[in-house]
Amino acid sequence: MDTITSDRAVVITIGNEILSGKTVNTNASYISKKLGETGIKTVRSISVGDERLDIQWAVKEACSSADIIICTGGLGPTWDDISKRTVSEYFGRSIKLDREQLRIVEEKFRALGYEKMPENNITQAEIPEGAVVFPNSRGTAPGLLIIDGSTHFFMLPGVPSEMKGLMPEQIIPYLQKTLQKQEIFLFRTIRTTGINESLLAELLHPVLGNLDDPEVAFLPNPYGVDVGLTTKGKNNEEILQKVRRIEEDILKIVSKYIYGYDDDTMESIVGFLLKKLDLSLSTAESCTGGLIGDRITAVPGSSEYFDRGVITYSNQSKIDLLDVDPSTLEEKGAVSEEIARQMAEGIRKKSGCDISIATTGIAGPSGGSPEKPVGLVYIALADKFGTVVHKLHFRGERTRIKQQTTQAALNLIRLRLNDKNLYSD
């Protein structure tokens, strides 16, 4: 196995669908993030279409900028998948059918119930001369590595799920073994919600404003703002102590907004608390259309605490399924504190759950009024201690308002369960 001495990388994404805007290029950001966690800096990101000359240009540019190149796309079985042959030509490598790889591809098709593998997929068993092959546990096209002098050129499938399997399972371990580095890198993400980026930065400026190490980045997303800390050192203890000191300073200022770290999600944190306290949850959703239930059930094992969720979009469904009072609907309207309260209490009574959450609001872009503008949302939580209702006003387009509402609803559950005056283990 060759040794890699450079910590610079270029990411190439290939596909006409990326250039046309039909497909969002999430591959580049994911790969750069994973490389960064290994201490490898992405110095360029190049996107080109499925054209031979364009791909050759991208390969030449990448090889002149870094020794590590990660390329995705163009490894499929269709006529426009020309990446493997084009890259192999650039490095002067012939391509030959690998019988063992062909057997693997055929077995994968049999496992899917195919009597015979399509002829087109034979190309996925063709391997460039001297290439390292990385098994693909999520698809039929393996990952490939061509080593040419100091250049390490990785070719990965463009399908995000396959690429996201190969990167942590195969490529990162390979790079960690072969990369000669004098320093260890640590990446820490502190996840916040309920506070905007500018206010968070203002509050944390006294402790983060003049820092050179760790490097600090504020990373807003639909669910909140992440604070990214990047540092390096000669040993784990050195860098851990450095980050812990900064974390302690951050916690003193904004602890009430912090819900997790690194890969934590709000739904996983809420699930952990529900399971820890042996509590059950049900949901009644109007404006969020089932997105809260979707997030909750995305967590493995959620059946242990999530009982049911109903989508009561129309007024009549609220009456039929949640026993909402028709006269209150008539007087106050569906988007109101009173209806949110009745929805939460109704689903809790129907389900017999310990905690219930309900949402009602105006996601837009139409339907708003001066009294009830687009983005107005009511979230209610009911448990044995009573019912609380929060009135919120979010900004943005429809999808973003719905996303923010789900985060606020889950955060309300989190805060309720963390209230030591109410719940304790």
Protein backbone atom coordinates (compact mmCIF):
# COMPACT_ATOMS: atom_id res chain seq x y z
CA MET A 1 0.00 0.00 0.00
CA ASP A 2 1.40 3.37 -1.03
CA THR A 3 1.88 6.20 1.45
CA ILE A 4 0.06 9.50 0.93
CA THR A 5 2.04 12.49 2.16
CA SER A 6 -0.24 15.32 0.98
CA ASP A 7 -3.34 16.42 2.89
CA ARG A 8 -4.91 18.26 -0.07
CA ALA A 9 -7.85 16.91 -2.06
CA VAL A 10 -10.04 17.78 -5.03
CA VAL A 11 -13.62 16.57 -5.38
CA ILE A 12 -15.04 15.96 -8.88
CA THR A 13 -18.75 15.39 -9.43
CA ILE A 14 -19.82 14.18 -12.86
CA GLY A 15 -23.31 14.29 -14.35
CA ASN A 16 -25.43 16.35 -16.70
CA GLU A 17 -28.21 16.28 -14.12
CA ILE A 18 -26.01 18.22 -11.68
CA LEU A 19 -25.16 20.96 -14.17
CA SER A 20 -28.80 21.29 -15.26
CA GLY A 21 -29.94 21.79 -11.68
CA LYS A 22 -32.21 18.74 -11.77
CA THR A 23 -30.10 17.10 -9.05
CA VAL A 24 -28.69 18.92 -6.03
CA ASN A 25 -24.97 18.23 -5.64
CA THR A 26 -24.97 16.87 -2.09
CA ASN A 27 -22.09 14.49 -2.90
CA ALA A 28 -19.46 17.23 -2.93
CA SER A 29 -20.41 18.63 0.48
CA TYR A 30 -20.59 15.17 2.06
CA ILE A 31 -17.23 14.08 0.69
CA SER A 32 -15.51 17.32 1.71
CA LYS A 33 -16.94 17.00 5.23
CA LYS A 34 -15.71 13.43 5.60
CA LEU A 35 -12.28 14.31 4.23
CA GLY A 36 -12.07 17.25 6.62
CA GLU A 37 -12.80 14.96 9.56
CA THR A 38 -9.77 12.95 8.50
CA GLY A 39 -7.56 16.05 8.37
CA ILE A 40 -7.66 16.34 4.58
CA LYS A 41 -8.45 19.77 3.14
CA THR A 42 -10.57 20.04 0.00
CA VAL A 43 -8.91 22.74 -2.09
CA ARG A 44 -11.16 22.54 -5.15
CA SER A 45 -14.57 21.20 -6.11
CA ILE A 46 -15.24 20.65 -9.82
CA SER A 47 -18.51 19.68 -11.51
CA VAL A 48 -18.71 18.62 -15.15
CA GLY A 49 -21.19 16.89 -17.41
CA ASP A 50 -21.05 13.47 -19.03
CA GLU A 51 -18.73 14.59 -21.81
CA ARG A 52 -15.38 12.96 -22.49
CA LEU A 53 -13.36 16.15 -23.04
CA ASP A 54 -14.90 17.85 -20.01
CA ILE A 55 -14.10 14.89 -17.78
CA GLN A 56 -10.51 14.76 -19.07
CA TRP A 57 -10.13 18.49 -18.36
CA ALA A 58 -11.47 18.01 -14.82
CA VAL A 59 -9.07 15.12 -14.17
CA LYS A 60 -6.10 17.17 -15.43
CA GLU A 61 -7.08 20.17 -13.29
CA ALA A 62 -7.58 18.00 -10.21
CA CYS A 63 -4.26 16.19 -10.57
CA SER A 64 -2.44 19.52 -10.84
CA SER A 65 -3.97 20.71 -7.56
CA ALA A 66 -3.80 17.73 -5.19
CA ASP A 67 -2.65 14.15 -4.73
CA ILE A 68 -6.04 12.94 -3.50
CA ILE A 69 -8.96 13.11 -5.92
CA ILE A 70 -12.44 11.79 -5.13
CA CYS A 71 -14.62 11.51 -8.23
CA THR A 72 -18.31 10.54 -8.23
CA GLY A 73 -20.66 9.70 -11.07
CA GLY A 74 -20.53 7.88 -14.38
CA LEU A 75 -19.98 4.33 -13.10
CA GLY A 76 -23.46 3.09 -13.97
CA PRO A 77 -24.49 0.64 -16.72
CA THR A 78 -26.01 3.09 -19.22
CA TRP A 79 -24.51 4.57 -22.36
CA ASP A 80 -23.83 7.96 -20.77
CA ASP A 81 -21.74 6.46 -17.94
CA ILE A 82 -18.31 7.12 -19.42
CA SER A 83 -16.28 8.20 -16.39
CA LYS A 84 -14.41 4.95 -15.82
CA ARG A 85 -13.23 4.62 -19.42
CA THR A 86 -12.34 8.30 -19.71
CA VAL A 87 -10.32 8.35 -16.50
CA SER A 88 -8.61 5.09 -17.40
CA GLU A 89 -7.63 6.54 -20.79
CA TYR A 90 -6.17 9.61 -19.07
CA PHE A 91 -3.91 7.43 -16.92
CA GLY A 92 -3.10 5.07 -19.80
CA ARG A 93 -4.79 2.06 -18.23
CA SER A 94 -6.59 -0.66 -20.13
CA ILE A 95 -9.91 -2.03 -18.85
CA LYS A 96 -10.57 -5.73 -18.49
CA LEU A 97 -13.49 -7.83 -17.33
CA ASP A 98 -12.91 -9.07 -13.78
CA ARG A 99 -14.52 -12.50 -13.41
CA GLU A 100 -14.74 -12.29 -9.62
CA GLN A 101 -16.38 -8.89 -9.80
CA LEU A 102 -18.80 -10.19 -12.44
CA ARG A 103 -19.78 -13.02 -10.10
CA ILE A 104 -20.44 -10.50 -7.32
CA VAL A 105 -22.63 -8.32 -9.54
CA GLU A 106 -24.59 -11.35 -10.80
CA GLU A 107 -25.16 -12.54 -7.22
CA LYS A 108 -26.53 -9.13 -6.24
CA PHE A 109 -29.09 -9.32 -9.04
CA ARG A 110 -30.10 -12.84 -8.05
CA ALA A 111 -30.59 -11.64 -4.48
CA LEU A 112 -33.00 -9.02 -5.85
CA GLY A 113 -35.05 -11.73 -7.56
CA TYR A 114 -33.70 -11.37 -11.12
CA GLU A 115 -33.32 -14.60 -13.07
CA LYS A 116 -30.70 -12.99 -15.26
CA MET A 117 -28.57 -9.89 -14.88
CA PRO A 118 -29.11 -7.23 -17.58
CA GLU A 119 -26.30 -7.29 -20.14
CA ASN A 120 -25.58 -3.61 -19.54
CA ASN A 121 -24.41 -4.32 -16.00
CA ILE A 122 -21.45 -6.36 -17.24
CA THR A 123 -19.63 -3.04 -17.59
CA GLN A 124 -19.70 -2.67 -13.80
CA ALA A 125 -17.41 -5.70 -13.59
CA GLU A 126 -14.83 -4.10 -15.86
CA ILE A 127 -11.85 -2.89 -13.87
CA PRO A 128 -8.98 -0.56 -14.91
CA GLU A 129 -5.58 -2.21 -15.00
CA GLY A 130 -3.94 -2.20 -11.56
CA ALA A 131 -6.88 -0.52 -9.83
CA VAL A 132 -7.77 -1.16 -6.20
CA VAL A 133 -11.37 -2.38 -5.90
CA PHE A 134 -13.59 -1.32 -2.97
CA PRO A 135 -16.70 -3.50 -2.45
CA ASN A 136 -19.98 -1.61 -2.64
CA SER A 137 -22.41 -2.96 -0.05
CA ARG A 138 -25.28 -0.79 -1.34
CA GLY A 139 -25.06 -1.19 -5.10
CA THR A 140 -23.51 -3.00 -8.05
CA ALA A 141 -20.73 -0.58 -9.06
CA PRO A 142 -17.62 -0.98 -6.87
CA GLY A 143 -15.44 1.90 -5.83
CA LEU A 144 -12.11 2.11 -7.66
CA LEU A 145 -8.69 3.61 -7.00
CA ILE A 146 -6.03 4.32 -9.60
CA ILE A 147 -2.60 5.10 -8.15
CA ASP A 148 -0.29 6.99 -10.50
CA GLY A 149 2.89 8.17 -8.83
CA SER A 150 1.78 10.32 -5.90
CA THR A 151 -1.74 10.71 -7.32
CA HIS A 152 -4.52 8.70 -5.72
CA PHE A 153 -7.62 8.90 -7.91
CA PHE A 154 -10.77 7.43 -6.35
CA MET A 155 -13.86 6.73 -8.47
CA LEU A 156 -17.17 6.28 -6.63
CA PRO A 157 -20.78 5.82 -7.75
CA GLY A 158 -22.78 9.01 -8.09
CA VAL A 159 -25.84 7.58 -6.30
CA PRO A 160 -25.65 9.38 -2.92
CA SER A 161 -26.66 6.35 -0.82
CA GLU A 162 -23.94 4.21 -2.44
CA MET A 163 -21.30 6.91 -2.14
CA LYS A 164 -22.25 7.47 1.51
CA GLY A 165 -21.72 3.78 2.14
CA LEU A 166 -18.33 3.60 0.45
CA MET A 167 -16.85 6.74 2.03
CA PRO A 168 -17.01 5.69 5.71
CA GLU A 169 -16.78 1.95 5.09
CA GLN A 170 -13.93 1.87 2.56
CA ILE A 171 -12.38 5.16 1.49
CA ILE A 172 -11.85 6.91 4.83
CA PRO A 173 -10.28 3.83 6.48
CA TYR A 174 -7.96 3.49 3.46
CA LEU A 175 -6.92 7.13 3.68
CA GLN A 176 -6.37 6.91 7.43
CA LYS A 177 -4.03 3.97 6.94
CA THR A 178 -2.05 5.51 4.11
CA LEU A 179 -1.95 9.18 5.04
CA GLN A 180 1.22 10.28 6.84
CA LYS A 181 0.26 13.10 9.19
CA GLN A 182 2.03 14.66 12.12
CA GLU A 183 -1.15 16.02 13.69
CA ILE A 184 -4.54 14.71 14.76
CA PHE A 185 -7.69 16.61 13.80
CA LEU A 186 -10.84 16.92 15.87
CA PHE A 187 -14.18 18.22 14.65
CA ARG A 188 -16.88 19.08 17.17
CA THR A 189 -20.36 20.30 16.34
CA ILE A 190 -22.54 21.95 18.97
CA ARG A 191 -26.17 21.91 17.84
CA THR A 192 -28.52 24.74 18.81
CA THR A 193 -32.13 25.62 18.07
CA GLY A 194 -34.48 28.47 18.88
CA ILE A 195 -31.89 31.19 18.29
CA ASN A 196 -30.84 32.86 15.05
CA GLU A 197 -27.29 32.96 13.70
CA SER A 198 -26.61 36.66 14.32
CA LEU A 199 -27.76 36.63 17.95
CA LEU A 200 -25.88 33.39 18.64
CA ALA A 201 -22.69 34.87 17.18
CA GLU A 202 -23.18 38.05 19.20
CA LEU A 203 -23.63 36.16 22.46
CA LEU A 204 -20.62 33.93 21.83
CA HIS A 205 -18.30 36.66 20.51
CA PRO A 206 -16.62 37.22 23.90
CA VAL A 207 -15.37 33.61 23.98
CA LEU A 208 -15.07 32.82 20.25
CA GLY A 209 -14.49 36.13 18.52
CA ASN A 210 -10.69 36.23 18.74
CA LEU A 211 -9.97 32.50 18.57
CA ASP A 212 -7.47 31.16 16.04
CA ASP A 213 -7.58 27.63 17.43
CA PRO A 214 -10.08 26.02 17.39
CA GLU A 215 -11.43 27.40 14.13
CA VAL A 216 -15.08 28.40 14.53
CA ALA A 217 -17.89 28.25 11.98
CA PHE A 218 -21.59 29.11 12.38
CA LEU A 219 -23.65 26.75 10.24
CA PRO A 220 -27.35 27.65 9.91
CA ASN A 221 -29.86 25.06 8.73
CA PRO A 222 -33.66 24.71 8.75
CA TYR A 223 -33.57 23.25 12.27
CA GLY A 224 -31.24 25.71 13.97
CA VAL A 225 -27.61 26.81 13.96
CA ASP A 226 -24.64 24.50 14.43
CA VAL A 227 -21.42 25.80 15.94
CA GLY A 228 -18.52 23.94 14.35
CA LEU A 229 -15.17 23.72 16.13
CA THR A 230 -12.09 22.44 14.31
CA THR A 231 -8.78 21.92 16.05
CA LYS A 232 -5.62 19.87 15.77
CA GLY A 233 -2.81 18.66 17.97
CA LYS A 234 -0.17 16.00 18.45
CA ASN A 235 -2.29 13.73 20.65
CA ASN A 236 -5.91 13.11 21.56
CA GLU A 237 -5.62 14.40 25.12
CA GLU A 238 -4.22 17.73 23.98
CA ILE A 239 -6.99 18.46 21.52
CA LEU A 240 -9.77 17.12 23.75
CA GLN A 241 -8.74 19.45 26.58
CA LYS A 242 -8.64 22.38 24.18
CA VAL A 243 -12.18 21.73 22.91
CA ARG A 244 -13.58 20.99 26.38
CA ARG A 245 -12.45 24.38 27.65
CA ILE A 246 -14.23 26.14 24.79
CA GLU A 247 -17.36 24.00 25.21
CA GLU A 248 -17.55 24.93 28.89
CA ASP A 249 -17.42 28.63 28.00
CA ILE A 250 -20.13 28.16 25.34
CA LEU A 251 -22.38 26.23 27.73
CA LYS A 252 -22.24 29.03 30.30
CA ILE A 253 -23.73 31.43 27.78
CA VAL A 254 -26.18 29.51 25.56
CA SER A 255 -26.86 26.17 27.28
CA LYS A 256 -30.65 26.58 26.99
CA TYR A 257 -30.39 26.54 23.19
CA ILE A 258 -28.10 23.51 22.93
CA TYR A 259 -29.86 20.23 22.24
CA GLY A 260 -27.04 17.97 21.07
CA TYR A 261 -23.60 17.40 19.60
CA ASP A 262 -22.10 16.13 16.35
CA ASP A 263 -24.55 13.70 14.71
CA ASP A 264 -27.32 14.11 17.30
CA THR A 265 -30.75 14.98 15.93
CA MET A 266 -33.64 16.47 17.83
CA GLU A 267 -35.73 13.38 17.17
CA SER A 268 -33.03 11.06 18.52
CA ILE A 269 -32.66 13.18 21.67
CA VAL A 270 -36.43 13.23 22.24
CA GLY A 271 -36.57 9.48 21.66
CA PHE A 272 -33.79 8.89 24.17
CA LEU A 273 -35.60 10.92 26.83
CA LEU A 274 -38.96 9.22 26.22
CA LYS A 275 -37.35 5.80 26.45
CA LYS A 276 -35.35 6.76 29.53
CA LEU A 277 -38.46 7.99 31.34
CA ASP A 278 -40.62 5.13 29.99
CA LEU A 279 -43.16 7.51 28.45
CA SER A 280 -45.36 7.22 25.36
CA LEU A 281 -46.05 9.88 22.73
CA SER A 282 -48.79 10.63 20.22
CA THR A 283 -49.12 13.46 17.68
CA ALA A 284 -51.91 15.41 16.03
CA GLU A 285 -50.67 17.40 13.04
CA SER A 286 -52.35 19.90 10.78
CA CYS A 287 -49.90 22.32 9.13
CA THR A 288 -46.94 19.90 9.42
CA GLY A 289 -48.79 17.15 7.56
CA GLY A 290 -47.18 14.22 9.37
CA LEU A 291 -43.59 15.48 9.32
CA ILE A 292 -43.25 15.23 13.11
CA GLY A 293 -44.29 11.59 13.00
CA ASP A 294 -41.92 11.01 10.10
CA ARG A 295 -38.98 12.42 12.03
CA ILE A 296 -39.85 10.47 15.17
CA THR A 297 -40.17 7.16 13.31
CA ALA A 298 -36.90 7.76 11.45
CA VAL A 299 -35.17 6.78 14.71
CA PRO A 300 -34.64 3.01 15.07
CA GLY A 301 -36.59 1.61 18.02
CA SER A 302 -39.14 4.45 18.05
CA SER A 303 -41.95 1.89 18.32
CA GLU A 304 -41.01 1.59 22.00
CA TYR A 305 -42.35 5.07 22.75
CA PHE A 306 -44.31 6.37 19.73
CA ASP A 307 -47.92 5.16 19.78
CA ARG A 308 -49.70 6.96 16.95
CA GLY A 309 -49.98 10.07 14.86
CA VAL A 310 -52.96 11.57 13.06
CA ILE A 311 -53.04 14.19 10.32
CA THR A 312 -56.16 16.28 10.83
CA TYR A 313 -55.89 18.75 8.00
CA SER A 314 -59.52 19.68 7.55
CA ASN A 315 -61.80 21.16 10.20
CA GLN A 316 -64.09 18.14 9.99
CA SER A 317 -61.20 15.73 10.64
CA LYS A 318 -60.35 17.67 13.78
CA ILE A 319 -63.94 17.23 14.96
CA ASP A 320 -64.18 13.55 13.96
CA LEU A 321 -60.81 12.32 15.20
CA LEU A 322 -59.91 14.67 18.05
CA ASP A 323 -63.30 15.76 19.39
CA VAL A 324 -62.49 19.40 18.70
CA ASP A 325 -65.46 21.63 19.53
CA PRO A 326 -67.19 22.82 16.31
CA SER A 327 -68.27 26.06 17.98
CA THR A 328 -64.66 26.86 18.92
CA LEU A 329 -63.58 26.21 15.35
CA GLU A 330 -66.28 28.56 14.13
CA GLU A 331 -65.43 31.30 16.64
CA LYS A 332 -61.63 31.11 16.83
CA GLY A 333 -60.63 29.41 13.59
CA ALA A 334 -58.45 26.35 13.05
CA VAL A 335 -55.26 28.33 13.58
CA SER A 336 -55.68 29.41 17.17
CA GLU A 337 -54.46 28.70 20.68
CA GLU A 338 -57.78 27.13 21.61
CA ILE A 339 -57.80 24.64 18.73
CA ALA A 340 -54.15 23.67 19.27
CA ARG A 341 -54.98 22.96 22.90
CA GLN A 342 -58.03 20.86 22.03
CA MET A 343 -56.05 18.93 19.41
CA ALA A 344 -53.30 17.99 21.88
CA GLU A 345 -55.75 17.06 24.60
CA GLY A 346 -57.93 15.18 22.12
CA ILE A 347 -55.18 12.92 20.79
CA ARG A 348 -53.88 12.30 24.30
CA LYS A 349 -57.33 11.19 25.45
CA LYS A 350 -57.86 9.02 22.36
CA SER A 351 -54.43 7.36 22.59
CA GLY A 352 -53.97 7.17 26.33
CA CYS A 353 -50.38 8.36 25.87
CA ASP A 354 -48.33 10.15 28.49
CA ILE A 355 -47.51 13.07 26.20
CA SER A 356 -49.16 14.45 23.09
CA ILE A 357 -48.10 17.21 20.75
CA ALA A 358 -50.25 19.12 18.23
CA THR A 359 -49.58 21.67 15.49
CA THR A 360 -51.81 24.05 13.59
CA GLY A 361 -50.71 26.99 11.46
CA ILE A 362 -50.49 28.74 8.10
CA ALA A 363 -47.58 27.41 6.03
CA GLY A 364 -48.40 29.56 2.99
CA PRO A 365 -47.75 30.91 0.51
CA SER A 366 -51.48 31.75 0.53
CA GLY A 367 -54.06 31.66 3.27
CA GLY A 368 -52.67 34.41 5.45
CA SER A 369 -54.35 37.60 6.66
CA PRO A 370 -53.30 40.68 8.65
CA GLU A 371 -54.61 39.01 11.80
CA LYS A 372 -53.18 35.60 10.97
CA PRO A 373 -50.18 36.00 8.64
CA VAL A 374 -48.35 33.25 6.79
CA GLY A 375 -45.93 31.60 9.20
CA LEU A 376 -48.22 31.85 12.24
CA VAL A 377 -48.10 28.55 14.12
CA TYR A 378 -49.52 27.21 17.37
CA ILE A 379 -47.90 24.20 19.04
CA ALA A 380 -49.56 22.53 22.03
CA LEU A 381 -48.23 19.89 24.39
CA ALA A 382 -50.48 17.95 26.75
CA ASP A 383 -49.40 15.68 29.60
CA LYS A 384 -50.56 14.82 33.13
CA PHE A 385 -49.27 18.16 34.40
CA GLY A 386 -51.45 20.17 32.04
CA THR A 387 -51.36 21.70 28.57
CA VAL A 388 -48.99 24.37 27.29
CA VAL A 389 -49.44 26.24 24.01
CA HIS A 390 -46.73 28.19 22.20
CA LYS A 391 -47.51 30.82 19.59
CA LEU A 392 -44.73 31.21 17.01
CA HIS A 393 -44.20 33.11 13.78
CA PHE A 394 -41.78 31.63 11.24
CA ARG A 395 -40.52 33.18 8.03
CA GLY A 396 -39.60 31.59 4.73
CA GLU A 397 -41.23 29.46 2.08
CA ARG A 398 -43.72 26.67 2.81
CA THR A 399 -41.27 23.79 3.28
CA ARG A 400 -39.04 25.79 5.60
CA ILE A 401 -41.98 26.88 7.77
CA LYS A 402 -43.04 23.25 8.11
CA GLN A 403 -39.50 22.16 8.97
CA GLN A 404 -39.12 24.87 11.59
CA THR A 405 -42.46 23.93 13.12
CA THR A 406 -41.43 20.28 13.50
CA GLN A 407 -38.20 21.35 15.20
CA ALA A 408 -40.02 23.68 17.58
CA ALA A 409 -42.55 20.96 18.43
CA LEU A 410 -39.87 18.37 19.15
CA ASN A 411 -37.90 20.92 21.13
CA LEU A 412 -40.97 21.65 23.25
CA ILE A 413 -41.12 17.95 24.12
CA ARG A 414 -37.39 17.94 24.91
CA LEU A 415 -37.64 20.94 27.22
CA ARG A 416 -40.69 19.47 28.96
CA LEU A 417 -38.95 16.16 29.60
CA ASN A 418 -35.83 17.93 30.86
CA ASP A 419 -37.88 19.93 33.39
CA LYS A 420 -36.66 18.36 36.63
CA ASN A 421 -39.59 19.88 38.51
CA LEU A 422 -41.92 17.72 36.42
CA TYR A 423 -40.00 14.70 35.19
CA SER A 424 -37.15 12.89 36.85
CA ASP A 425 -35.73 9.43 36.49
